[in-house]
Amino acid sequence: MACSLARGMYIKLLPADDVVYPFALRDQVAVLDTDTLHAIALVASARHIINETGKVVLTRRFSRRLQTLSGNEAVNRVIRSGGNGIGEGGAVMFRASLLQKAGPFNSSIFYVLDLDQWFKFLQYGQLVYLPQVLSAFRVSSDSSSVRIAGQQRSDYIKFISAVYKNKVYGLTPFNYCVGMFKTIIFTELKKLMYRFVIR
């Protein structure tokens, strides 16, 4: 994978049709640069959801304020949210050295490969969440996106179950159950959004 060829201290991914806004690198690098003890594994931020033309449809936030969370605390909050609260590749920055500790992205679980990797990284440090919008994730209104939403739900449910069984993450039974319920509800809402809102 391309990440293995990185030679810098930090890695920020940019999926093909997504957007990184001005100051994204500045703001996220500043957080990692001040962390001389390497206690931080990930820096994430709020992001826009945009349609094919670049119109902002909604803003997704994990929090409305700056937060620093332990790895297991972040995992529990993300699962409880019923979705990828940390964000896609464009919303996150991490230390290149973490790839040696946590291993590469797992492409066999395509629809949750980013969240799976963030959780593996969070075994080695904290999550810092920046409330400002620093990236945009593009979605499509075509019928294939609706079908993908169903597959995403299936993959995410399997992923939650795997996280719950892996005791290293400390996922509580309550957050597991809430996450399962919200995943089902949010997938149906996502399908409606793809059909009627993303235009």
C-alpha atoms as a PDB file:
ATOM      1  CA  MET A   1       0.000   0.000   0.000  1.00  0.00           C
ATOM      2  CA  ALA A   2       1.089   3.586  -0.653  1.00  0.00           C
ATOM      3  CA  CYS A   3       1.364   4.318   3.085  1.00  0.00           C
ATOM      4  CA  SER A   4       4.336   1.950   3.296  1.00  0.00           C
ATOM      5  CA  LEU A   5       6.247   4.262   0.934  1.00  0.00           C
ATOM      6  CA  ALA A   6       5.773   7.336   3.136  1.00  0.00           C
ATOM      7  CA  ARG A   7       9.000   8.969   4.323  1.00  0.00           C
ATOM      8  CA  GLY A   8       7.579  11.774   6.443  1.00  0.00           C
ATOM      9  CA  MET A   9       6.718  11.785  10.139  1.00  0.00           C
ATOM     10  CA  TYR A  10       2.983  12.117   9.558  1.00  0.00           C
ATOM     11  CA  ILE A  11       0.498  10.699   7.068  1.00  0.00           C
ATOM     12  CA  LYS A  12      -2.701  12.273   5.782  1.00  0.00           C
ATOM     13  CA  LEU A  13      -4.767  10.392   3.235  1.00  0.00           C
ATOM     14  CA  LEU A  14      -6.818  12.037   0.493  1.00  0.00           C
ATOM     15  CA  PRO A  15      -9.380   9.767  -1.205  1.00  0.00           C
ATOM     16  CA  ALA A  16      -9.708  10.380  -4.930  1.00  0.00           C
ATOM     17  CA  ASP A  17     -12.736  12.694  -5.039  1.00  0.00           C
ATOM     18  CA  ASP A  18     -12.678  14.189  -1.548  1.00  0.00           C
ATOM     19  CA  VAL A  19     -11.342  17.583  -0.454  1.00  0.00           C
ATOM     20  CA  VAL A  20      -8.880  18.845   2.138  1.00  0.00           C
ATOM     21  CA  TYR A  21      -9.455  22.471   3.069  1.00  0.00           C
ATOM     22  CA  PRO A  22      -6.840  25.185   3.623  1.00  0.00           C
ATOM     23  CA  PHE A  23      -5.242  25.041   7.094  1.00  0.00           C
ATOM     24  CA  ALA A  24      -6.033  21.331   7.494  1.00  0.00           C
ATOM     25  CA  LEU A  25      -2.373  20.358   7.412  1.00  0.00           C
ATOM     26  CA  ARG A  26      -1.348  23.338   9.529  1.00  0.00           C
ATOM     27  CA  ASP A  27      -3.878  22.655  12.271  1.00  0.00           C
ATOM     28  CA  GLN A  28      -3.338  18.911  12.498  1.00  0.00           C
ATOM     29  CA  VAL A  29       0.449  19.033  12.225  1.00  0.00           C
ATOM     30  CA  ALA A  30       0.503  21.626  15.034  1.00  0.00           C
ATOM     31  CA  VAL A  31      -1.212  19.153  17.375  1.00  0.00           C
ATOM     32  CA  LEU A  32       1.231  16.350  16.635  1.00  0.00           C
ATOM     33  CA  ASP A  33       4.280  18.635  16.712  1.00  0.00           C
ATOM     34  CA  THR A  34       3.492  19.759  20.259  1.00  0.00           C
ATOM     35  CA  ASP A  35       3.067  16.153  21.430  1.00  0.00           C
ATOM     36  CA  THR A  36       6.700  15.461  22.291  1.00  0.00           C
ATOM     37  CA  LEU A  37       5.781  12.355  24.316  1.00  0.00           C
ATOM     38  CA  HIS A  38       3.969  10.787  21.341  1.00  0.00           C
ATOM     39  CA  ALA A  39       0.870  10.243  23.468  1.00  0.00           C
ATOM     40  CA  ILE A  40      -1.425  11.130  20.552  1.00  0.00           C
ATOM     41  CA  ALA A  41      -2.189   8.496  17.939  1.00  0.00           C
ATOM     42  CA  LEU A  42      -4.713  10.360  15.786  1.00  0.00           C
ATOM     43  CA  VAL A  43      -5.829  13.906  15.060  1.00  0.00           C
ATOM     44  CA  ALA A  44      -9.290  14.144  13.492  1.00  0.00           C
ATOM     45  CA  SER A  45     -11.648  16.989  12.666  1.00  0.00           C
ATOM     46  CA  ALA A  46     -15.179  17.815  11.607  1.00  0.00           C
ATOM     47  CA  ARG A  47     -15.943  17.410   7.917  1.00  0.00           C
ATOM     48  CA  HIS A  48     -18.487  18.433   5.327  1.00  0.00           C
ATOM     49  CA  ILE A  49     -20.528  15.947   3.344  1.00  0.00           C
ATOM     50  CA  ILE A  50     -20.722  17.242  -0.233  1.00  0.00           C
ATOM     51  CA  ASN A  51     -22.513  16.095  -3.373  1.00  0.00           C
ATOM     52  CA  GLU A  52     -21.108  15.514  -6.866  1.00  0.00           C
ATOM     53  CA  THR A  53     -20.949  19.258  -7.607  1.00  0.00           C
ATOM     54  CA  GLY A  54     -19.260  20.169  -4.318  1.00  0.00           C
ATOM     55  CA  LYS A  55     -22.361  21.551  -2.598  1.00  0.00           C
ATOM     56  CA  VAL A  56     -22.256  21.124   1.174  1.00  0.00           C
ATOM     57  CA  VAL A  57     -25.161  18.906   2.232  1.00  0.00           C
ATOM     58  CA  LEU A  58     -24.380  18.583   5.940  1.00  0.00           C
ATOM     59  CA  THR A  59     -21.607  18.806   8.508  1.00  0.00           C
ATOM     60  CA  ARG A  60     -20.531  15.765  10.518  1.00  0.00           C
ATOM     61  CA  ARG A  61     -19.000  16.328  13.941  1.00  0.00           C
ATOM     62  CA  PHE A  62     -17.844  14.004  16.682  1.00  0.00           C
ATOM     63  CA  SER A  63     -17.899  16.952  19.073  1.00  0.00           C
ATOM     64  CA  ARG A  64     -18.437  20.710  18.971  1.00  0.00           C
ATOM     65  CA  ARG A  65     -15.366  21.356  21.105  1.00  0.00           C
ATOM     66  CA  LEU A  66     -11.725  20.378  21.199  1.00  0.00           C
ATOM     67  CA  GLN A  67     -11.385  17.012  22.897  1.00  0.00           C
ATOM     68  CA  THR A  68      -8.628  14.609  23.860  1.00  0.00           C
ATOM     69  CA  LEU A  69      -9.784  11.046  24.500  1.00  0.00           C
ATOM     70  CA  SER A  70      -7.996   7.879  25.527  1.00  0.00           C
ATOM     71  CA  GLY A  71      -8.028   5.111  22.943  1.00  0.00           C
ATOM     72  CA  ASN A  72     -10.702   2.995  24.629  1.00  0.00           C
ATOM     73  CA  GLU A  73     -12.829   6.030  25.446  1.00  0.00           C
ATOM     74  CA  ALA A  74     -12.752   7.053  21.782  1.00  0.00           C
ATOM     75  CA  VAL A  75     -13.662   3.524  20.646  1.00  0.00           C
ATOM     76  CA  ASN A  76     -16.647   3.399  22.988  1.00  0.00           C
ATOM     77  CA  ARG A  77     -17.925   6.808  21.922  1.00  0.00           C
ATOM     78  CA  VAL A  78     -17.544   6.039  18.224  1.00  0.00           C
ATOM     79  CA  ILE A  79     -19.335   2.693  18.464  1.00  0.00           C
ATOM     80  CA  ARG A  80     -22.080   4.270  20.567  1.00  0.00           C
ATOM     81  CA  SER A  81     -22.587   6.907  17.850  1.00  0.00           C
ATOM     82  CA  GLY A  82     -23.528   4.249  15.304  1.00  0.00           C
ATOM     83  CA  GLY A  83     -21.126   5.457  12.629  1.00  0.00           C
ATOM     84  CA  ASN A  84     -17.617   6.607  11.816  1.00  0.00           C
ATOM     85  CA  GLY A  85     -17.356   9.527  14.213  1.00  0.00           C
ATOM     86  CA  ILE A  86     -13.618   9.861  13.670  1.00  0.00           C
ATOM     87  CA  GLY A  87     -13.915  10.386   9.952  1.00  0.00           C
ATOM     88  CA  GLU A  88     -12.643   9.247   6.593  1.00  0.00           C
ATOM     89  CA  GLY A  89      -9.029   9.448   5.472  1.00  0.00           C
ATOM     90  CA  GLY A  90      -9.199  13.134   4.594  1.00  0.00           C
ATOM     91  CA  ALA A  91     -10.324  14.041   8.122  1.00  0.00           C
ATOM     92  CA  VAL A  92      -7.486  12.272   9.938  1.00  0.00           C
ATOM     93  CA  MET A  93      -3.737  12.615  10.402  1.00  0.00           C
ATOM     94  CA  PHE A  94      -1.520  10.050  12.123  1.00  0.00           C
ATOM     95  CA  ARG A  95       2.118   9.245  12.801  1.00  0.00           C
ATOM     96  CA  ALA A  96       3.796   7.109  10.135  1.00  0.00           C
ATOM     97  CA  SER A  97       5.485   5.072  12.867  1.00  0.00           C
ATOM     98  CA  LEU A  98       2.092   3.694  13.932  1.00  0.00           C
ATOM     99  CA  LEU A  99       1.901   1.581  10.790  1.00  0.00           C
ATOM    100  CA  GLN A 100       4.828  -0.484  12.049  1.00  0.00           C
ATOM    101  CA  LYS A 101       3.068  -1.078  15.365  1.00  0.00           C
ATOM    102  CA  ALA A 102      -0.515  -1.580  14.218  1.00  0.00           C
ATOM    103  CA  GLY A 103       0.081  -3.042  10.772  1.00  0.00           C
ATOM    104  CA  PRO A 104      -1.334  -1.944   7.393  1.00  0.00           C
ATOM    105  CA  PHE A 105      -4.919  -1.209   6.402  1.00  0.00           C
ATOM    106  CA  ASN A 106      -7.059  -4.331   5.974  1.00  0.00           C
ATOM    107  CA  SER A 107      -8.513  -4.091   2.463  1.00  0.00           C
ATOM    108  CA  SER A 108     -10.665  -7.200   2.987  1.00  0.00           C
ATOM    109  CA  ILE A 109     -13.124  -5.113   5.033  1.00  0.00           C
ATOM    110  CA  PHE A 110     -13.409  -2.300   2.506  1.00  0.00           C
ATOM    111  CA  TYR A 111     -16.354  -0.377   3.956  1.00  0.00           C
ATOM    112  CA  VAL A 112     -14.881  -0.163   7.450  1.00  0.00           C
ATOM    113  CA  LEU A 113     -11.179  -0.351   6.662  1.00  0.00           C
ATOM    114  CA  ASP A 114     -10.557   3.220   7.801  1.00  0.00           C
ATOM    115  CA  LEU A 115     -12.343   2.840  11.144  1.00  0.00           C
ATOM    116  CA  ASP A 116     -10.687  -0.535  11.725  1.00  0.00           C
ATOM    117  CA  GLN A 117      -7.295   1.115  11.229  1.00  0.00           C
ATOM    118  CA  TRP A 118      -8.127   4.077  13.478  1.00  0.00           C
ATOM    119  CA  PHE A 119      -9.111   1.655  16.249  1.00  0.00           C
ATOM    120  CA  LYS A 120      -5.844  -0.262  15.855  1.00  0.00           C
ATOM    121  CA  PHE A 121      -3.920   3.023  16.081  1.00  0.00           C
ATOM    122  CA  LEU A 122      -5.861   3.985  19.200  1.00  0.00           C
ATOM    123  CA  GLN A 123      -4.370   1.020  21.014  1.00  0.00           C
ATOM    124  CA  TYR A 124      -1.156   3.076  21.014  1.00  0.00           C
ATOM    125  CA  GLY A 125      -2.383   6.534  21.951  1.00  0.00           C
ATOM    126  CA  GLN A 126      -5.052   9.163  22.256  1.00  0.00           C
ATOM    127  CA  LEU A 127      -7.491  10.770  19.849  1.00  0.00           C
ATOM    128  CA  VAL A 128      -7.443  14.553  19.568  1.00  0.00           C
ATOM    129  CA  TYR A 129     -10.570  15.905  17.919  1.00  0.00           C
ATOM    130  CA  LEU A 130     -10.648  19.374  16.373  1.00  0.00           C
ATOM    131  CA  PRO A 131     -14.142  20.884  16.008  1.00  0.00           C
ATOM    132  CA  GLN A 132     -13.303  22.980  12.934  1.00  0.00           C
ATOM    133  CA  VAL A 133     -14.209  21.628   9.479  1.00  0.00           C
ATOM    134  CA  LEU A 134     -10.985  20.725   7.667  1.00  0.00           C
ATOM    135  CA  SER A 135     -12.118  18.339   4.922  1.00  0.00           C
ATOM    136  CA  ALA A 136     -15.059  17.223   2.803  1.00  0.00           C
ATOM    137  CA  PHE A 137     -16.298  13.738   1.958  1.00  0.00           C
ATOM    138  CA  ARG A 138     -18.095  13.381  -1.384  1.00  0.00           C
ATOM    139  CA  VAL A 139     -21.154  11.149  -1.814  1.00  0.00           C
ATOM    140  CA  SER A 140     -23.312  10.322  -4.808  1.00  0.00           C
ATOM    141  CA  SER A 141     -27.081  10.279  -5.272  1.00  0.00           C
ATOM    142  CA  ASP A 142     -27.051   7.422  -7.778  1.00  0.00           C
ATOM    143  CA  SER A 143     -28.653   4.060  -7.094  1.00  0.00           C
ATOM    144  CA  SER A 144     -25.324   2.344  -6.466  1.00  0.00           C
ATOM    145  CA  SER A 145     -24.806   4.490  -3.379  1.00  0.00           C
ATOM    146  CA  VAL A 146     -28.073   3.165  -1.940  1.00  0.00           C
ATOM    147  CA  ARG A 147     -26.907  -0.408  -2.491  1.00  0.00           C
ATOM    148  CA  ILE A 148     -23.536   0.410  -0.955  1.00  0.00           C
ATOM    149  CA  ALA A 149     -25.279   1.757   2.148  1.00  0.00           C
ATOM    150  CA  GLY A 150     -26.767  -1.688   2.737  1.00  0.00           C
ATOM    151  CA  GLN A 151     -23.377  -3.356   2.403  1.00  0.00           C
ATOM    152  CA  GLN A 152     -21.859  -0.766   4.714  1.00  0.00           C
ATOM    153  CA  ARG A 153     -24.434  -1.665   7.358  1.00  0.00           C
ATOM    154  CA  SER A 154     -23.617  -5.354   7.079  1.00  0.00           C
ATOM    155  CA  ASP A 155     -19.876  -4.715   7.307  1.00  0.00           C
ATOM    156  CA  TYR A 156     -20.283  -2.283  10.200  1.00  0.00           C
ATOM    157  CA  ILE A 157     -22.413  -4.717  12.219  1.00  0.00           C
ATOM    158  CA  LYS A 158     -19.772  -7.425  11.748  1.00  0.00           C
ATOM    159  CA  PHE A 159     -17.104  -4.906  12.709  1.00  0.00           C
ATOM    160  CA  ILE A 160     -18.892  -3.884  15.919  1.00  0.00           C
ATOM    161  CA  SER A 161     -19.230  -7.536  16.887  1.00  0.00           C
ATOM    162  CA  ALA A 162     -15.524  -8.121  16.299  1.00  0.00           C
ATOM    163  CA  VAL A 163     -14.596  -5.058  18.369  1.00  0.00           C
ATOM    164  CA  TYR A 164     -16.858  -6.222  21.195  1.00  0.00           C
ATOM    165  CA  LYS A 165     -15.232  -9.668  21.227  1.00  0.00           C
ATOM    166  CA  ASN A 166     -11.729  -8.159  21.272  1.00  0.00           C
ATOM    167  CA  LYS A 167     -11.327  -7.271  24.954  1.00  0.00           C
ATOM    168  CA  VAL A 168      -8.391  -4.948  24.256  1.00  0.00           C
ATOM    169  CA  TYR A 169     -10.876  -2.276  23.143  1.00  0.00           C
ATOM    170  CA  GLY A 170     -12.935  -2.382  26.348  1.00  0.00           C
ATOM    171  CA  LEU A 171     -16.241  -1.914  24.514  1.00  0.00           C
ATOM    172  CA  THR A 172     -19.037  -2.018  27.093  1.00  0.00           C
ATOM    173  CA  PRO A 173     -22.208  -4.105  26.570  1.00  0.00           C
ATOM    174  CA  PHE A 174     -24.308  -0.940  26.700  1.00  0.00           C
ATOM    175  CA  ASN A 175     -22.326   0.833  23.984  1.00  0.00           C
ATOM    176  CA  TYR A 176     -22.312  -2.339  21.904  1.00  0.00           C
ATOM    177  CA  CYS A 177     -26.111  -2.573  21.994  1.00  0.00           C
ATOM    178  CA  VAL A 178     -26.642   1.147  21.363  1.00  0.00           C
ATOM    179  CA  GLY A 179     -24.178   1.043  18.456  1.00  0.00           C
ATOM    180  CA  MET A 180     -25.976  -1.904  16.868  1.00  0.00           C
ATOM    181  CA  PHE A 181     -29.354  -0.181  17.131  1.00  0.00           C
ATOM    182  CA  LYS A 182     -28.112   3.143  15.785  1.00  0.00           C
ATOM    183  CA  THR A 183     -26.318   1.459  12.886  1.00  0.00           C
ATOM    184  CA  ILE A 184     -29.589  -0.012  11.614  1.00  0.00           C
ATOM    185  CA  ILE A 185     -31.489   3.267  12.012  1.00  0.00           C
ATOM    186  CA  PHE A 186     -28.762   5.458  10.507  1.00  0.00           C
ATOM    187  CA  THR A 187     -28.352   3.211   7.472  1.00  0.00           C
ATOM    188  CA  GLU A 188     -31.995   3.730   6.547  1.00  0.00           C
ATOM    189  CA  LEU A 189     -31.615   7.476   7.050  1.00  0.00           C
ATOM    190  CA  LYS A 190     -28.519   7.409   4.866  1.00  0.00           C
ATOM    191  CA  LYS A 191     -30.461   5.730   2.076  1.00  0.00           C
ATOM    192  CA  LEU A 192     -33.076   8.475   2.242  1.00  0.00           C
ATOM    193  CA  MET A 193     -30.344  11.100   2.173  1.00  0.00           C
ATOM    194  CA  TYR A 194     -28.791   9.550  -0.931  1.00  0.00           C
ATOM    195  CA  ARG A 195     -32.152   9.486  -2.693  1.00  0.00           C
ATOM    196  CA  PHE A 196     -33.635  12.848  -1.764  1.00  0.00           C
ATOM    197  CA  VAL A 197     -30.996  15.160  -0.261  1.00  0.00           C
ATOM    198  CA  ILE A 198     -27.767  14.532  -2.182  1.00  0.00           C
ATOM    199  CA  ARG A 199     -28.682  16.307  -5.425  1.00  0.00           C
END
